Amino acid sequence: MIRSPAQLPGLSVIYRGGEAVQKRVVVTGLGAVTPVGSTVESFWQNLLAGKSGIGLIDRFDVSEYPVRIAGQVKGFQAEDYIEKKEIRRFDMYAQFAVGAAVQALRQSGLQITEENAARVGVYIGSGIGGLQTMLENYNVLRDRGPKRVSPFLVPMMMINSASGQISIMFGAKGPNLAPVSACATGTHAVGDAYKIIARGAADAMICGGAEATICDLALAGFANMKALSTRNDSPEQASRPFDAHRDGFVMGEGAGVLVLESLESAKARGAKILAEVVGYGMSADAHHITAPDPVGFGASLAMQAALDDAGLRPEDVDYINAHGTSTDLNDKLETIAVKATFGEYAYKLSMSSIKSMTGHLLGAAGGVEAVASVMTILTGMIPPTMNYETPDPECDLDYVPNKAREQAVDTVMSNSFGFGGHNASIIIRRFMEN
């Protein structure tokens, strides 16, 4: 029997005493597909070991490119998550998204049924989406004519295809969107999903980011922008956030997905609670399409908004999972923004960038780094910033250089900043009953 939306429970915001109730939002599932591991366990173990996933590109001929390195996902088997006959209808970025989503749902134990489907949503974003599919079909069009272009081209290349496919696969009928904000996408997806649950519009959200743009066109575009490291002879040392000799970011790919739930939902079904999302801030630089605000104001604005949203003081934060791309401007200005937000306490914070090992996963970065933030809290281990060899006087904070650090961490801020001037920060805390 098909029911109308009016017959479905709890689709409106709950009010008490004339004010909207802000629900507590917890993390119950994690999923990761990355250059350093295609499960959360392998991803985390390799990060703590300082293992790099960056190497020479082997998918296409890069001999004529000034940049020949990237963080490619290795060992991922799409058939572990998607029926073999269906795989050809998924761009690689969507395959990564599904893999991470399946992992997260399995860990959470969340079952989507007819009764709760309207209360479970999906927010999986991407910075670029199905670029590889578009390029492959353009080549078919050019070489073989319009009749040979795949009828699946459009749904495969859409940035919202991953979010849609995950919804279809699991029957999640709640809020569904694919945010796009370049390299801030994954953090925006997690933050927006948190707010949807907090205001009572859903009980659970599958959220994060996915990307797969290691292809000839994207490599050429980023390389010609002079945005990428050219350390082709030492790929594992190429990504060096905050180091004085950093020379650009390294492209990466993959997906990071979390299952968020209202505390009531998680407790009602006896779910294991991994952490709690408590703050979210976002802003715009309003400065330049690719260069960050020269005084870091936009980034600081997002961090302060996240602190305010969480009702926390700067000194309540133990660790910052930095955006830390290994570009000259980003690392310097993120450091400036952290100082502006945290004052003298910035020098007491631990802060590191896992992009030193994964490369920059663009729209997937924030999702993957949110997973890392939760794992930091759960394990009491902070992943290092690898390849930090020469201090930069303009980057003078504690970047947890070259070796994982054992430290009790209760509160993590994770930052993401994207082309277009998009800034996003989330705060994740250890879960406590009160």
Protein backbone atom coordinates (compact mmCIF):
# COMPACT_ATOMS: atom_id res chain seq x y z
CA MET A 1 0.00 0.00 0.00
CA ILE A 2 1.42 3.41 -0.97
CA ARG A 3 1.12 6.01 1.74
CA SER A 4 1.05 9.76 1.21
CA PRO A 5 3.71 11.93 2.88
CA ALA A 6 1.07 13.20 5.28
CA GLN A 7 0.64 9.63 6.56
CA LEU A 8 4.35 9.18 7.29
CA PRO A 9 5.52 9.87 10.85
CA GLY A 10 7.73 12.70 12.02
CA LEU A 11 8.31 14.67 8.85
CA SER A 12 8.19 18.05 10.56
CA VAL A 13 10.41 19.77 13.09
CA ILE A 14 9.51 19.02 16.70
CA TYR A 15 8.68 22.05 18.87
CA ARG A 16 8.46 22.38 22.63
CA GLY A 17 7.46 25.57 24.35
CA GLY A 18 7.48 27.42 21.05
CA GLU A 19 11.15 26.61 20.32
CA ALA A 20 12.61 24.03 17.97
CA VAL A 21 14.27 21.13 19.76
CA GLN A 22 17.87 20.52 18.70
CA LYS A 23 18.48 16.80 18.82
CA ARG A 24 21.86 15.34 19.69
CA VAL A 25 23.53 13.70 16.72
CA VAL A 26 25.86 10.73 17.00
CA VAL A 27 28.08 8.69 14.66
CA THR A 28 27.25 4.99 14.40
CA GLY A 29 29.04 3.92 11.23
CA LEU A 30 32.21 4.65 9.24
CA GLY A 31 33.34 3.72 5.74
CA ALA A 32 36.52 4.57 3.83
CA VAL A 33 37.97 3.85 0.40
CA THR A 34 41.33 5.61 0.08
CA PRO A 35 44.81 5.40 -1.45
CA VAL A 36 46.12 4.01 1.86
CA GLY A 37 43.39 1.42 2.38
CA SER A 38 39.94 0.44 1.17
CA THR A 39 38.53 -0.33 4.61
CA VAL A 40 38.49 1.82 7.72
CA GLU A 41 40.81 -0.61 9.50
CA SER A 42 43.49 -0.66 6.77
CA PHE A 43 43.14 3.09 6.22
CA TRP A 44 43.69 3.82 9.88
CA GLN A 45 46.53 1.37 10.44
CA ASN A 46 48.43 2.74 7.45
CA LEU A 47 47.91 6.35 8.52
CA LEU A 48 49.31 5.63 11.98
CA ALA A 49 52.24 3.82 10.38
CA GLY A 50 52.96 6.86 8.20
CA LYS A 51 52.48 4.84 5.04
CA SER A 52 51.99 6.80 1.83
CA GLY A 53 49.50 5.88 -0.86
CA ILE A 54 51.12 8.16 -3.43
CA GLY A 55 52.98 6.73 -6.41
CA LEU A 56 53.43 6.90 -10.17
CA ILE A 57 50.18 6.97 -12.14
CA ASP A 58 49.69 3.69 -14.02
CA ARG A 59 46.23 4.12 -15.57
CA PHE A 60 47.27 6.15 -18.59
CA ASP A 61 50.41 7.37 -20.26
CA VAL A 62 51.80 10.29 -18.27
CA SER A 63 55.16 10.58 -20.05
CA GLU A 64 54.32 14.00 -21.53
CA TYR A 65 52.89 15.45 -18.31
CA PRO A 66 54.87 17.64 -15.92
CA VAL A 67 53.18 15.74 -13.07
CA ARG A 68 53.17 11.94 -13.10
CA ILE A 69 52.13 11.05 -9.54
CA ALA A 70 48.87 10.66 -7.63
CA GLY A 71 47.23 8.80 -4.77
CA GLN A 72 45.38 6.01 -6.57
CA VAL A 73 43.05 3.58 -4.81
CA LYS A 74 44.51 0.08 -5.00
CA GLY A 75 42.81 -3.23 -4.36
CA PHE A 76 39.23 -1.95 -4.30
CA GLN A 77 36.81 -4.53 -5.69
CA ALA A 78 33.53 -2.94 -6.77
CA GLU A 79 31.89 -6.39 -7.00
CA ASP A 80 32.18 -6.67 -3.23
CA TYR A 81 29.52 -3.95 -3.01
CA ILE A 82 27.69 -3.80 -6.34
CA GLU A 83 26.23 -6.58 -8.49
CA LYS A 84 28.63 -7.34 -11.33
CA LYS A 85 26.09 -6.64 -14.06
CA GLU A 86 25.40 -3.22 -12.55
CA ILE A 87 28.99 -2.01 -12.11
CA ARG A 88 29.26 -0.68 -15.67
CA ARG A 89 26.44 1.76 -14.82
CA PHE A 90 28.47 3.38 -12.02
CA ASP A 91 31.27 5.86 -12.58
CA MET A 92 34.29 5.02 -10.45
CA TYR A 93 33.54 7.85 -8.02
CA ALA A 94 30.09 6.35 -7.38
CA GLN A 95 31.62 2.88 -6.96
CA PHE A 96 33.87 4.29 -4.24
CA ALA A 97 30.88 6.02 -2.63
CA VAL A 98 28.83 2.83 -2.55
CA GLY A 99 31.75 0.89 -1.10
CA ALA A 100 32.22 3.36 1.74
CA ALA A 101 28.46 3.60 2.35
CA VAL A 102 28.06 -0.17 2.58
CA GLN A 103 30.91 -0.32 5.10
CA ALA A 104 29.37 2.44 7.20
CA LEU A 105 25.91 0.89 7.18
CA ARG A 106 27.27 -2.52 8.09
CA GLN A 107 29.08 -1.11 11.08
CA SER A 108 26.09 0.92 12.18
CA GLY A 109 23.70 -2.03 11.97
CA LEU A 110 21.02 0.36 10.70
CA GLN A 111 18.26 -1.47 8.84
CA ILE A 112 16.19 0.63 6.44
CA THR A 113 12.62 -0.62 6.30
CA GLU A 114 9.29 0.63 4.99
CA GLU A 115 8.58 1.98 8.46
CA ASN A 116 11.70 4.15 8.76
CA ALA A 117 12.65 4.78 5.10
CA ALA A 118 11.25 8.33 5.07
CA ARG A 119 13.39 9.17 8.10
CA VAL A 120 16.71 8.04 6.59
CA GLY A 121 18.44 10.32 4.09
CA VAL A 122 21.58 10.45 1.96
CA TYR A 123 23.98 13.38 1.51
CA ILE A 124 26.91 12.21 -0.61
CA GLY A 125 28.69 14.98 -2.48
CA SER A 126 31.50 15.21 -5.01
CA GLY A 127 33.60 18.06 -6.28
CA ILE A 128 33.59 16.93 -9.91
CA GLY A 129 31.53 13.74 -10.22
CA GLY A 130 31.70 11.39 -13.19
CA LEU A 131 34.47 13.08 -15.16
CA GLN A 132 36.02 9.83 -16.33
CA THR A 133 32.72 8.64 -17.77
CA MET A 134 32.27 11.92 -19.61
CA LEU A 135 35.76 11.73 -21.12
CA GLU A 136 35.40 8.11 -22.19
CA ASN A 137 32.14 8.85 -23.94
CA TYR A 138 33.48 11.97 -25.58
CA ASN A 139 36.23 9.84 -27.08
CA VAL A 140 33.60 7.37 -28.29
CA LEU A 141 31.59 10.21 -29.84
CA ARG A 142 34.67 11.60 -31.59
CA ASP A 143 35.99 8.26 -32.84
CA ARG A 144 32.86 6.17 -33.43
CA GLY A 145 29.94 8.57 -33.74
CA PRO A 146 26.90 9.58 -31.68
CA LYS A 147 25.11 6.23 -31.88
CA ARG A 148 27.86 4.58 -29.86
CA VAL A 149 27.64 6.94 -26.87
CA SER A 150 26.42 5.08 -23.79
CA PRO A 151 22.77 5.61 -22.82
CA PHE A 152 24.07 5.58 -19.24
CA LEU A 153 26.34 8.59 -19.83
CA VAL A 154 24.16 11.25 -18.21
CA PRO A 155 23.13 9.35 -15.06
CA MET A 156 26.72 8.15 -14.59
CA MET A 157 28.36 11.55 -14.90
CA MET A 158 25.89 13.41 -12.66
CA ILE A 159 27.38 14.60 -9.40
CA ASN A 160 24.22 13.45 -7.63
CA SER A 161 24.37 9.92 -9.05
CA ALA A 162 26.19 8.49 -6.02
CA SER A 163 23.66 9.96 -3.61
CA GLY A 164 20.81 8.71 -5.79
CA GLN A 165 22.25 5.23 -6.28
CA ILE A 166 22.83 4.75 -2.55
CA SER A 167 19.29 5.87 -1.85
CA ILE A 168 17.95 3.37 -4.39
CA MET A 169 20.19 0.56 -3.20
CA PHE A 170 19.04 0.82 0.41
CA GLY A 171 15.57 2.32 0.02
CA ALA A 172 16.41 5.52 1.91
CA LYS A 173 13.58 7.97 1.13
CA GLY A 174 14.47 10.85 3.43
CA PRO A 175 16.37 14.07 2.62
CA ASN A 176 18.65 13.48 -0.35
CA LEU A 177 21.15 15.86 -1.93
CA ALA A 178 24.64 16.00 -3.42
CA PRO A 179 26.39 19.13 -2.14
CA VAL A 180 29.11 20.54 -4.40
CA SER A 181 31.68 22.94 -2.96
CA ALA A 182 34.95 21.71 -4.46
CA CYS A 183 37.34 20.54 -1.75
CA ALA A 184 34.93 21.51 1.06
CA THR A 185 32.21 19.19 -0.26
CA GLY A 186 32.67 16.25 2.12
CA THR A 187 32.66 18.43 5.22
CA HIS A 188 29.63 20.35 4.01
CA ALA A 189 27.82 17.03 3.45
CA VAL A 190 28.56 15.84 6.98
CA GLY A 191 27.72 19.21 8.50
CA ASP A 192 24.47 19.61 6.57
CA ALA A 193 23.43 16.04 7.47
CA TYR A 194 24.13 16.77 11.13
CA LYS A 195 21.87 19.83 10.98
CA ILE A 196 19.08 17.91 9.24
CA ILE A 197 18.98 15.41 12.09
CA ALA A 198 19.45 18.07 14.78
CA ARG A 199 16.35 19.94 13.62
CA GLY A 200 14.28 16.74 13.52
CA ALA A 201 13.90 16.38 9.75
CA ALA A 202 15.47 12.89 9.73
CA ASP A 203 16.51 10.21 12.19
CA ALA A 204 19.57 9.03 10.27
CA MET A 205 21.74 10.25 7.39
CA ILE A 206 24.31 8.49 5.22
CA CYS A 207 26.76 11.29 4.43
CA GLY A 208 30.19 12.14 3.09
CA GLY A 209 32.06 12.65 -0.16
CA ALA A 210 33.48 10.72 -3.09
CA GLU A 211 35.86 11.53 -5.94
CA ALA A 212 37.65 9.80 -8.84
CA THR A 213 39.32 12.35 -11.09
CA ILE A 214 42.74 10.84 -11.70
CA CYS A 215 42.47 11.06 -15.47
CA ASP A 216 44.33 12.84 -18.25
CA LEU A 217 42.14 15.96 -18.46
CA ALA A 218 42.04 16.67 -14.72
CA LEU A 219 45.74 16.00 -14.32
CA ALA A 220 46.55 18.39 -17.16
CA GLY A 221 44.22 21.05 -15.80
CA PHE A 222 45.59 21.02 -12.26
CA ALA A 223 49.18 20.73 -13.50
CA ASN A 224 48.80 23.73 -15.81
CA MET A 225 47.44 25.72 -12.87
CA LYS A 226 50.77 25.01 -11.17
CA ALA A 227 48.76 23.60 -8.25
CA LEU A 228 50.43 20.17 -8.13
CA SER A 229 53.71 18.93 -6.72
CA THR A 230 56.25 17.99 -9.37
CA ARG A 231 58.30 15.66 -7.15
CA ASN A 232 57.89 12.83 -9.65
CA ASP A 233 61.11 11.13 -8.56
CA SER A 234 60.00 10.82 -4.93
CA PRO A 235 56.22 10.43 -4.92
CA GLU A 236 55.93 9.32 -1.31
CA GLN A 237 57.65 12.54 -0.21
CA ALA A 238 55.73 14.83 -2.57
CA SER A 239 52.87 15.83 -0.29
CA ARG A 240 54.45 17.78 2.58
CA PRO A 241 51.90 20.02 4.30
CA PHE A 242 53.32 22.95 6.27
CA ASP A 243 56.91 22.10 5.27
CA ALA A 244 58.98 25.02 3.97
CA HIS A 245 59.70 23.18 0.71
CA ARG A 246 56.14 22.19 -0.17
CA ASP A 247 55.48 22.73 -3.87
CA GLY A 248 51.83 21.79 -4.42
CA PHE A 249 49.23 19.17 -3.63
CA VAL A 250 49.03 15.62 -4.95
CA MET A 251 45.78 14.40 -6.50
CA GLY A 252 44.00 11.60 -4.67
CA GLU A 253 40.73 9.69 -4.96
CA GLY A 254 38.32 7.67 -2.86
CA ALA A 255 35.36 8.13 -0.53
CA GLY A 256 34.60 8.70 3.13
CA VAL A 257 31.09 8.07 4.49
CA LEU A 258 29.54 8.26 7.95
CA VAL A 259 26.20 7.15 9.31
CA LEU A 260 24.82 9.86 11.59
CA GLU A 261 21.77 9.32 13.79
CA SER A 262 19.80 11.13 16.39
CA LEU A 263 20.78 9.96 19.84
CA GLU A 264 17.23 8.71 20.38
CA SER A 265 17.35 6.59 17.23
CA ALA A 266 20.72 5.07 18.06
CA LYS A 267 19.77 4.26 21.64
CA ALA A 268 16.38 2.86 20.67
CA ARG A 269 17.99 0.18 18.53
CA GLY A 270 20.97 -0.44 20.81
CA ALA A 271 23.56 0.87 18.35
CA LYS A 272 27.19 1.30 19.34
CA ILE A 273 27.87 5.04 19.44
CA LEU A 274 31.28 5.99 18.12
CA ALA A 275 31.27 9.78 18.66
CA GLU A 276 29.02 12.83 18.59
CA VAL A 277 28.87 15.69 16.09
CA VAL A 278 28.43 18.91 18.04
CA GLY A 279 29.35 21.83 15.79
CA TYR A 280 29.31 23.02 12.19
CA GLY A 281 30.37 26.28 10.60
CA MET A 282 30.67 27.46 7.03
CA SER A 283 31.61 30.66 5.24
CA ALA A 284 32.86 32.20 2.00
CA ASP A 285 36.10 34.03 1.34
CA ALA A 286 34.46 36.27 -1.27
CA HIS A 287 37.95 36.87 -2.58
CA HIS A 288 39.10 34.75 -5.56
CA ILE A 289 37.93 31.63 -7.39
CA THR A 290 41.07 29.62 -6.51
CA ALA A 291 43.24 31.64 -4.11
CA PRO A 292 42.30 31.77 -0.42
CA ASP A 293 41.56 34.95 1.50
CA PRO A 294 45.00 36.55 2.03
CA VAL A 295 44.37 37.10 5.75
CA GLY A 296 42.53 33.82 6.41
CA PHE A 297 39.35 35.60 7.52
CA GLY A 298 36.94 33.23 5.76
CA ALA A 299 38.55 30.12 7.21
CA SER A 300 38.59 31.66 10.68
CA LEU A 301 34.94 32.62 10.29
CA ALA A 302 33.98 28.99 9.62
CA MET A 303 36.01 27.71 12.58
CA GLN A 304 34.52 30.29 14.93
CA ALA A 305 31.03 29.48 13.69
CA ALA A 306 31.63 25.80 14.46
CA LEU A 307 32.82 26.65 17.97
CA ASP A 308 29.81 28.88 18.54
CA ASP A 309 27.44 26.23 17.21
CA ALA A 310 28.93 23.69 19.61
CA GLY A 311 28.95 26.12 22.53
CA LEU A 312 32.66 25.46 23.02
CA ARG A 313 35.65 27.60 23.91
CA PRO A 314 38.83 27.39 21.84
CA GLU A 315 40.60 25.55 24.66
CA ASP A 316 37.98 22.78 24.53
CA VAL A 317 39.44 21.54 21.23
CA ASP A 318 42.26 18.99 21.53
CA TYR A 319 43.17 18.39 17.90
CA ILE A 320 42.60 19.92 14.48
CA ASN A 321 42.45 17.66 11.45
CA ALA A 322 43.80 20.27 9.07
CA HIS A 323 42.89 20.89 5.47
CA GLY A 324 46.66 21.04 4.96
CA THR A 325 46.97 20.59 1.20
CA SER A 326 50.75 21.12 0.81
CA THR A 327 50.31 24.27 -1.25
CA ASP A 328 52.13 27.44 -0.32
CA LEU A 329 49.08 29.64 0.25
CA ASN A 330 46.71 27.14 1.86
CA ASP A 331 49.05 25.95 4.58
CA LYS A 332 50.24 29.44 5.47
CA LEU A 333 46.72 30.88 5.56
CA GLU A 334 45.20 27.96 7.44
CA THR A 335 47.89 28.52 10.07
CA ILE A 336 47.02 32.22 10.21
CA ALA A 337 43.31 31.40 10.50
CA VAL A 338 43.88 28.92 13.32
CA LYS A 339 45.86 31.54 15.23
CA ALA A 340 43.14 34.12 14.65
CA THR A 341 40.50 31.72 15.96
CA PHE A 342 42.35 30.09 18.85
CA GLY A 343 44.72 32.88 19.91
CA GLU A 344 47.70 31.78 22.03
CA TYR A 345 46.02 28.43 22.59
CA ALA A 346 46.79 27.61 18.93
CA TYR A 347 50.35 26.79 20.02
CA LYS A 348 49.06 24.16 22.46
CA LEU A 349 46.89 22.38 19.89
CA SER A 350 47.91 19.25 18.03
CA MET A 351 47.24 19.68 14.31
CA SER A 352 48.03 17.38 11.39
CA SER A 353 47.22 16.70 7.76
CA ILE A 354 46.59 13.17 6.51
CA LYS A 355 46.88 14.52 2.95
CA SER A 356 50.61 13.97 3.44
CA MET A 357 49.78 10.26 2.93
CA THR A 358 46.51 10.12 1.00
CA GLY A 359 47.03 13.07 -1.29
CA HIS A 360 44.16 15.49 -1.75
CA LEU A 361 40.87 13.67 -2.35
CA LEU A 362 39.12 16.90 -3.41
CA GLY A 363 35.38 16.48 -2.76
CA ALA A 364 35.99 13.27 -0.80
CA ALA A 365 38.60 14.80 1.51
CA GLY A 366 36.20 16.08 4.16
CA GLY A 367 34.36 12.76 4.41
CA VAL A 368 37.58 10.77 4.74
CA GLU A 369 38.97 13.24 7.26
CA ALA A 370 35.78 13.08 9.33
CA VAL A 371 36.31 9.32 9.51
CA ALA A 372 39.90 9.94 10.64
CA SER A 373 38.65 12.41 13.26
CA VAL A 374 36.33 9.80 14.78
CA MET A 375 39.11 7.22 14.76
CA THR A 376 41.41 9.67 16.54
CA ILE A 377 38.91 9.95 19.38
CA LEU A 378 38.29 6.19 19.53
CA THR A 379 41.95 5.14 19.53
CA GLY A 380 43.70 8.01 21.30
CA MET A 381 46.15 8.22 18.41
CA ILE A 382 46.76 11.26 16.20
CA PRO A 383 47.94 10.55 12.65
CA PRO A 384 51.12 12.39 11.68
CA THR A 385 51.92 15.01 9.09
CA MET A 386 54.51 13.11 7.08
CA ASN A 387 57.41 14.66 5.15
CA TYR A 388 57.68 17.56 7.57
CA GLU A 389 61.43 18.19 7.36
CA THR A 390 62.09 21.92 7.15
CA PRO A 391 60.06 24.26 9.37
CA ASP A 392 58.46 27.24 7.69
CA PRO A 393 58.57 30.39 9.87
CA GLU A 394 55.05 31.22 8.67
CA CYS A 395 53.79 27.76 9.69
CA ASP A 396 54.88 27.53 13.31
CA LEU A 397 52.25 25.38 15.03
CA ASP A 398 52.45 21.78 16.26
CA TYR A 399 51.80 19.69 13.14
CA VAL A 400 52.53 16.26 14.74
CA PRO A 401 55.53 15.74 12.47
CA ASN A 402 56.39 12.37 10.94
CA LYS A 403 55.20 10.10 13.74
CA ALA A 404 51.77 9.26 15.11
CA ARG A 405 51.17 10.64 18.60
CA GLU A 406 49.44 8.89 21.46
CA GLN A 407 47.18 11.46 23.09
CA ALA A 408 43.80 11.40 24.77
CA VAL A 409 41.55 13.36 22.41
CA ASP A 410 38.00 14.27 23.35
CA THR A 411 37.26 16.99 20.80
CA VAL A 412 38.37 17.30 17.16
CA MET A 413 37.84 20.11 14.67
CA SER A 414 38.10 19.10 11.00
CA ASN A 415 38.62 21.81 8.37
CA SER A 416 37.99 21.85 4.63
CA PHE A 417 38.46 24.78 2.24
CA GLY A 418 37.57 24.69 -1.44
CA PHE A 419 38.00 26.54 -4.72
CA GLY A 420 35.29 29.16 -4.98
CA GLY A 421 36.17 30.36 -1.48
CA HIS A 422 34.07 27.73 0.30
CA ASN A 423 35.01 27.01 3.92
CA ALA A 424 33.62 24.38 6.26
CA SER A 425 34.50 23.19 9.76
CA ILE A 426 32.92 20.47 11.87
CA ILE A 427 33.49 19.54 15.49
CA ILE A 428 33.28 15.93 16.67
CA ARG A 429 33.45 14.96 20.35
CA ARG A 430 33.76 11.85 22.40
CA PHE A 431 30.24 10.65 23.21
CA MET A 432 29.16 11.17 26.80
CA GLU A 433 25.69 10.48 28.20
CA ASN A 434 25.36 13.95 29.73
